[in-house]
Amino acid sequence: MCAPRFPATGPHGTRNSPAVPGVFPGVTTSDRATPETNSDDARRTAASEADRPTDTPASASGPAAGRRSRRRVRLVAAVAVAAVLLAFLPFVWTLASTAGHRHTAETVPDRPVALVLGAGVRSDGLPTLLLARRLDTAADLYFDGRVSVILVTGDNSVEHYNETDTMADYLVDAGVPADRIVGDYAGFSTWESCVRAREVFGVEEATVVTQDFHLPRAVGLCRSAGIDAVGVADSSLHDRRFATVYGWLREVPAAVAAAGTVLLRPDPTFLGDDETGVQDALADDAADTGGGRG
């Protein structure tokens, strides 16, 4: 009896790979994936997904993002430039508005009073170099007949710090008569010195004496306070280079503050009653010189 012959192919398998009944019809043992195979495939798929470049939205990169970045840079730069210009505007205005009122010691018009603004006292009780140079300039104006009286204004807010007497003593040592020197002990700032000179001491015309970096603001504030003020500057760059450069830099924010002061016009810390020291000194000078020199 002959053995039955199997067909080469059949509905459920092949001769070499017989079908496995009761599992997946038509799937042979060679087609079935083992658990190890599934795990390997999963790892390979995950690695492939990780290596695949991530699609970046068009809005986050490319030409559009570059344009937005450049616009932001330009905006920041424009704001910075505007801020610098605004900061310098009061300083430039101060320079321009007082240009016709600032002079040399040789060309300054005569005024009855020289207003010398304080600039500090050393620990040994002597004026700082900058203040001494201001006082030297004022003394020269007096001896040249450009002014008749010198009003020294400074800080004497504490017992052991007296700018005003220090300034007066220096002028007396330089040869200026003591009765031609008047002191203001409450000149705590440039504005307060100018306002007190006008409101307390009755000064209507004056020559302001200070360093060149300070002069535009000082003249501008005194004119805003109601004084017909001109100014003479001491150029301290040669002897005090660092202090002078720092003074010019400091004038930029100081001019901004001065603009606010002119608009708001605050009262001085101490206004007080009228003082006749300047008028008395002018009367004495007029009597001595037959009509006055300033």
Foldseek 3Di string as FASTA:
>chain_A
DDDDDDDQDDQAGGPVFGHDPPDDGNATPVRDDDPVRVVVVVVVVVVVVVPDDDDDDPCCDDPNVVVVVVVVVVVVVVVVVVVVCVLQVLVVVLCVVQVVQEDALVPHAADAEEEEEADDADPVGAHDPQSLLLLVSVLVCCVVLSYQAYEYEYEPPDPVGFRFVNSLVSNVVVPDDSLRYHYHHQCHDLLQSLLLCCQAANAAEYEYTGAPLCVSLSQVSNVLSRHNYGYHHDHCCVPCVVVVVVSNVVVSNVSVVSVVCSVVVDHGPDNDHHDHSNVVSQVVQCVVVVGGRD
